[in-house]
Amino acid sequence: MLSQKARYALRALLVLGTQPSGEPVLIADIAERADVPRKFLEQILLELKKRGVVHSHRGKFGGYTLGRSPEDISFAEVIRTMDGPLALSPCASRTAYRKCDDCRDEVTCALRKVLLSVRDATAEILEHHTLAHALADEKAGRKAKGRKAA
């Protein structure tokens, strides 16, 4: 299950993605626009900064910007940064593999085979869905909503 921390991170990145290139956003503004508690957002942005997903800028006109273009930030990267491996079980993880403590035979384990398939399908979708895709979806949704209101 996707954690609230990962949801908040994705929402904050969507806010940053709507800014004109290079224009920093104050953390208070990100928190308000993304509807994220500011204290929690500070921790999230720090983790994203360590990974190069965002940059911080000091000074009077400081704030946060995306560290890379939206096309280069995948949902998988953000979720892994916030929540760790995508796999539902450590034996199915590509990034944090570990044999399950109660596993009798990993080679013939039917659960592992299914969990590997789930992990591969999930990774395929999340690796190829970028912040740019989400921003385009959001923009299309706003346009459609505007047409319905008219």
C-alpha atoms as a PDB file:
ATOM      1  CA  MET A   1       0.000   0.000   0.000  1.00  0.00           C
ATOM      2  CA  LEU A   2       1.204   3.491  -0.820  1.00  0.00           C
ATOM      3  CA  SER A   3       2.092   5.415   2.326  1.00  0.00           C
ATOM      4  CA  GLN A   4       0.765   8.868   3.123  1.00  0.00           C
ATOM      5  CA  LYS A   5       4.366  10.070   2.974  1.00  0.00           C
ATOM      6  CA  ALA A   6       4.672   8.938  -0.664  1.00  0.00           C
ATOM      7  CA  ARG A   7       1.308  10.537  -1.528  1.00  0.00           C
ATOM      8  CA  TYR A   8       2.440  13.807   0.014  1.00  0.00           C
ATOM      9  CA  ALA A   9       5.739  13.643  -1.867  1.00  0.00           C
ATOM     10  CA  LEU A  10       3.973  13.131  -5.189  1.00  0.00           C
ATOM     11  CA  ARG A  11       1.524  15.981  -4.466  1.00  0.00           C
ATOM     12  CA  ALA A  12       4.384  18.323  -3.532  1.00  0.00           C
ATOM     13  CA  LEU A  13       6.228  17.421  -6.732  1.00  0.00           C
ATOM     14  CA  LEU A  14       3.096  18.153  -8.753  1.00  0.00           C
ATOM     15  CA  VAL A  15       3.034  21.634  -7.213  1.00  0.00           C
ATOM     16  CA  LEU A  16       6.690  22.174  -8.125  1.00  0.00           C
ATOM     17  CA  GLY A  17       6.036  20.825 -11.608  1.00  0.00           C
ATOM     18  CA  THR A  18       3.472  23.537 -12.323  1.00  0.00           C
ATOM     19  CA  GLN A  19       6.009  26.312 -11.717  1.00  0.00           C
ATOM     20  CA  PRO A  20       7.788  28.041 -14.574  1.00  0.00           C
ATOM     21  CA  SER A  21      11.240  26.509 -14.942  1.00  0.00           C
ATOM     22  CA  GLY A  22      13.643  27.524 -12.202  1.00  0.00           C
ATOM     23  CA  GLU A  23      11.144  29.522 -10.159  1.00  0.00           C
ATOM     24  CA  PRO A  24      11.474  28.467  -6.490  1.00  0.00           C
ATOM     25  CA  VAL A  25       8.416  27.868  -4.339  1.00  0.00           C
ATOM     26  CA  LEU A  26       8.392  28.552  -0.610  1.00  0.00           C
ATOM     27  CA  ILE A  27       7.794  25.515   1.572  1.00  0.00           C
ATOM     28  CA  ALA A  28       4.731  27.197   3.109  1.00  0.00           C
ATOM     29  CA  ASP A  29       3.231  27.639  -0.366  1.00  0.00           C
ATOM     30  CA  ILE A  30       3.961  24.029  -1.323  1.00  0.00           C
ATOM     31  CA  ALA A  31       2.365  22.830   1.924  1.00  0.00           C
ATOM     32  CA  GLU A  32      -0.752  24.903   1.313  1.00  0.00           C
ATOM     33  CA  ARG A  33      -1.162  24.071  -2.376  1.00  0.00           C
ATOM     34  CA  ALA A  34      -0.437  20.342  -1.892  1.00  0.00           C
ATOM     35  CA  ASP A  35      -2.459  20.180   1.355  1.00  0.00           C
ATOM     36  CA  VAL A  36       0.485  18.674   3.250  1.00  0.00           C
ATOM     37  CA  PRO A  37       1.417  19.414   6.885  1.00  0.00           C
ATOM     38  CA  ARG A  38       4.457  21.701   6.760  1.00  0.00           C
ATOM     39  CA  LYS A  39       6.549  19.803   9.355  1.00  0.00           C
ATOM     40  CA  PHE A  40       6.029  16.552   7.488  1.00  0.00           C
ATOM     41  CA  LEU A  41       6.755  18.253   4.162  1.00  0.00           C
ATOM     42  CA  GLU A  42      10.125  19.468   5.449  1.00  0.00           C
ATOM     43  CA  GLN A  43      11.190  15.865   6.072  1.00  0.00           C
ATOM     44  CA  ILE A  44       9.885  14.737   2.700  1.00  0.00           C
ATOM     45  CA  LEU A  45      11.652  17.498   0.782  1.00  0.00           C
ATOM     46  CA  LEU A  46      14.898  16.757   2.604  1.00  0.00           C
ATOM     47  CA  GLU A  47      14.759  13.118   1.453  1.00  0.00           C
ATOM     48  CA  LEU A  48      13.906  14.163  -2.102  1.00  0.00           C
ATOM     49  CA  LYS A  49      16.764  16.677  -2.038  1.00  0.00           C
ATOM     50  CA  LYS A  50      19.248  13.951  -1.038  1.00  0.00           C
ATOM     51  CA  ARG A  51      18.199  12.006  -4.145  1.00  0.00           C
ATOM     52  CA  GLY A  52      18.428  15.040  -6.428  1.00  0.00           C
ATOM     53  CA  VAL A  53      14.702  15.056  -7.129  1.00  0.00           C
ATOM     54  CA  VAL A  54      14.403  18.621  -5.775  1.00  0.00           C
ATOM     55  CA  HIS A  55      16.829  21.478  -5.134  1.00  0.00           C
ATOM     56  CA  SER A  56      16.619  24.014  -2.351  1.00  0.00           C
ATOM     57  CA  HIS A  57      17.490  27.663  -2.817  1.00  0.00           C
ATOM     58  CA  ARG A  58      18.397  29.977   0.053  1.00  0.00           C
ATOM     59  CA  GLY A  59      17.732  33.629   0.480  1.00  0.00           C
ATOM     60  CA  LYS A  60      14.915  36.101   0.057  1.00  0.00           C
ATOM     61  CA  PHE A  61      13.707  34.494  -3.165  1.00  0.00           C
ATOM     62  CA  GLY A  62      14.544  30.971  -2.069  1.00  0.00           C
ATOM     63  CA  GLY A  63      12.441  27.864  -1.917  1.00  0.00           C
ATOM     64  CA  TYR A  64      12.324  24.570  -3.763  1.00  0.00           C
ATOM     65  CA  THR A  65      12.477  23.634  -7.427  1.00  0.00           C
ATOM     66  CA  LEU A  66      12.487  20.334  -9.255  1.00  0.00           C
ATOM     67  CA  GLY A  67      15.977  18.895  -9.478  1.00  0.00           C
ATOM     68  CA  ARG A  68      15.347  17.393 -12.897  1.00  0.00           C
ATOM     69  CA  SER A  69      12.772  17.759 -15.620  1.00  0.00           C
ATOM     70  CA  PRO A  70       9.376  16.165 -14.897  1.00  0.00           C
ATOM     71  CA  GLU A  71      10.057  13.629 -17.679  1.00  0.00           C
ATOM     72  CA  ASP A  72      13.010  12.317 -15.673  1.00  0.00           C
ATOM     73  CA  ILE A  73      11.189  11.787 -12.353  1.00  0.00           C
ATOM     74  CA  SER A  74       9.335   8.474 -12.263  1.00  0.00           C
ATOM     75  CA  PHE A  75       6.680   7.517  -9.772  1.00  0.00           C
ATOM     76  CA  ALA A  76       8.810   4.452  -8.950  1.00  0.00           C
ATOM     77  CA  GLU A  77      11.750   6.634  -7.895  1.00  0.00           C
ATOM     78  CA  VAL A  78       9.596   8.778  -5.621  1.00  0.00           C
ATOM     79  CA  ILE A  79       7.848   5.793  -4.043  1.00  0.00           C
ATOM     80  CA  ARG A  80      11.146   3.971  -3.484  1.00  0.00           C
ATOM     81  CA  THR A  81      12.598   7.114  -1.911  1.00  0.00           C
ATOM     82  CA  MET A  82       9.683   7.447   0.494  1.00  0.00           C
ATOM     83  CA  ASP A  83       8.627   3.840   1.104  1.00  0.00           C
ATOM     84  CA  GLY A  84      11.509   1.624   0.056  1.00  0.00           C
ATOM     85  CA  PRO A  85      11.233  -1.333  -2.347  1.00  0.00           C
ATOM     86  CA  LEU A  86       8.152  -1.778  -4.532  1.00  0.00           C
ATOM     87  CA  ALA A  87       7.936  -5.525  -3.842  1.00  0.00           C
ATOM     88  CA  LEU A  88       5.339  -6.836  -1.412  1.00  0.00           C
ATOM     89  CA  SER A  89       7.822  -9.320   0.031  1.00  0.00           C
ATOM     90  CA  PRO A  90      11.602  -9.115   0.475  1.00  0.00           C
ATOM     91  CA  CYS A  91      12.135 -12.267  -1.596  1.00  0.00           C
ATOM     92  CA  ALA A  92      10.533 -10.529  -4.592  1.00  0.00           C
ATOM     93  CA  SER A  93      12.536  -7.314  -4.290  1.00  0.00           C
ATOM     94  CA  ARG A  94      15.132  -6.359  -6.884  1.00  0.00           C
ATOM     95  CA  THR A  95      16.613  -3.560  -4.756  1.00  0.00           C
ATOM     96  CA  ALA A  96      16.419  -5.074  -1.252  1.00  0.00           C
ATOM     97  CA  TYR A  97      16.315  -8.843  -1.785  1.00  0.00           C
ATOM     98  CA  ARG A  98      16.253 -11.044   1.274  1.00  0.00           C
ATOM     99  CA  LYS A  99      15.039 -14.622   1.699  1.00  0.00           C
ATOM    100  CA  CYS A 100      11.856 -14.789   3.754  1.00  0.00           C
ATOM    101  CA  ASP A 101      12.440 -16.071   7.281  1.00  0.00           C
ATOM    102  CA  ASP A 102       9.770 -18.766   7.044  1.00  0.00           C
ATOM    103  CA  CYS A 103      10.504 -19.910   3.475  1.00  0.00           C
ATOM    104  CA  ARG A 104      11.161 -23.625   3.059  1.00  0.00           C
ATOM    105  CA  ASP A 105      12.218 -23.600  -0.607  1.00  0.00           C
ATOM    106  CA  GLU A 106      12.456 -20.337  -2.488  1.00  0.00           C
ATOM    107  CA  VAL A 107      12.831 -22.075  -5.865  1.00  0.00           C
ATOM    108  CA  THR A 108       9.452 -23.815  -5.666  1.00  0.00           C
ATOM    109  CA  CYS A 109       7.607 -21.233  -3.580  1.00  0.00           C
ATOM    110  CA  ALA A 110       4.311 -20.455  -5.320  1.00  0.00           C
ATOM    111  CA  LEU A 111       3.870 -17.240  -3.329  1.00  0.00           C
ATOM    112  CA  ARG A 112       7.219 -15.889  -4.483  1.00  0.00           C
ATOM    113  CA  LYS A 113       6.385 -16.594  -8.130  1.00  0.00           C
ATOM    114  CA  VAL A 114       3.179 -14.585  -7.864  1.00  0.00           C
ATOM    115  CA  LEU A 115       4.837 -11.799  -5.892  1.00  0.00           C
ATOM    116  CA  LEU A 116       7.607 -11.534  -8.494  1.00  0.00           C
ATOM    117  CA  SER A 117       4.948 -11.122 -11.193  1.00  0.00           C
ATOM    118  CA  VAL A 118       3.171  -8.459  -9.144  1.00  0.00           C
ATOM    119  CA  ARG A 119       6.449  -6.646  -8.507  1.00  0.00           C
ATOM    120  CA  ASP A 120       7.419  -6.741 -12.176  1.00  0.00           C
ATOM    121  CA  ALA A 121       4.014  -5.450 -13.335  1.00  0.00           C
ATOM    122  CA  THR A 122       3.983  -2.722 -10.695  1.00  0.00           C
ATOM    123  CA  ALA A 123       7.533  -1.631 -11.514  1.00  0.00           C
ATOM    124  CA  GLU A 124       6.765  -1.593 -15.247  1.00  0.00           C
ATOM    125  CA  ILE A 125       3.902   0.846 -14.712  1.00  0.00           C
ATOM    126  CA  LEU A 126       5.578   3.040 -12.086  1.00  0.00           C
ATOM    127  CA  GLU A 127       8.942   3.224 -13.878  1.00  0.00           C
ATOM    128  CA  HIS A 128       7.259   4.469 -17.055  1.00  0.00           C
ATOM    129  CA  HIS A 129       4.800   6.886 -15.424  1.00  0.00           C
ATOM    130  CA  THR A 130       6.576  10.160 -14.815  1.00  0.00           C
ATOM    131  CA  LEU A 131       5.771  13.419 -13.150  1.00  0.00           C
ATOM    132  CA  ALA A 132       5.295  14.846 -16.663  1.00  0.00           C
ATOM    133  CA  HIS A 133       2.529  12.299 -17.333  1.00  0.00           C
ATOM    134  CA  ALA A 134       0.804  13.199 -14.069  1.00  0.00           C
ATOM    135  CA  LEU A 135       1.046  16.920 -14.813  1.00  0.00           C
ATOM    136  CA  ALA A 136      -0.478  16.355 -18.266  1.00  0.00           C
ATOM    137  CA  ASP A 137      -3.277  14.238 -16.744  1.00  0.00           C
ATOM    138  CA  GLU A 138      -3.946  16.933 -14.152  1.00  0.00           C
ATOM    139  CA  LYS A 139      -4.025  19.665 -16.815  1.00  0.00           C
ATOM    140  CA  ALA A 140      -6.410  17.632 -18.983  1.00  0.00           C
ATOM    141  CA  GLY A 141      -8.644  17.048 -15.975  1.00  0.00           C
ATOM    142  CA  ARG A 142      -8.810  20.782 -15.224  1.00  0.00           C
ATOM    143  CA  LYS A 143      -9.715  21.533 -18.850  1.00  0.00           C
ATOM    144  CA  ALA A 144     -12.462  18.902 -18.852  1.00  0.00           C
ATOM    145  CA  LYS A 145     -13.816  20.222 -15.556  1.00  0.00           C
ATOM    146  CA  GLY A 146     -13.829  23.759 -16.979  1.00  0.00           C
ATOM    147  CA  ARG A 147     -15.825  22.625 -20.027  1.00  0.00           C
ATOM    148  CA  LYS A 148     -18.440  20.944 -17.813  1.00  0.00           C
ATOM    149  CA  ALA A 149     -18.854  24.092 -15.707  1.00  0.00           C
ATOM    150  CA  ALA A 150     -19.416  26.247 -18.815  1.00  0.00           C
END
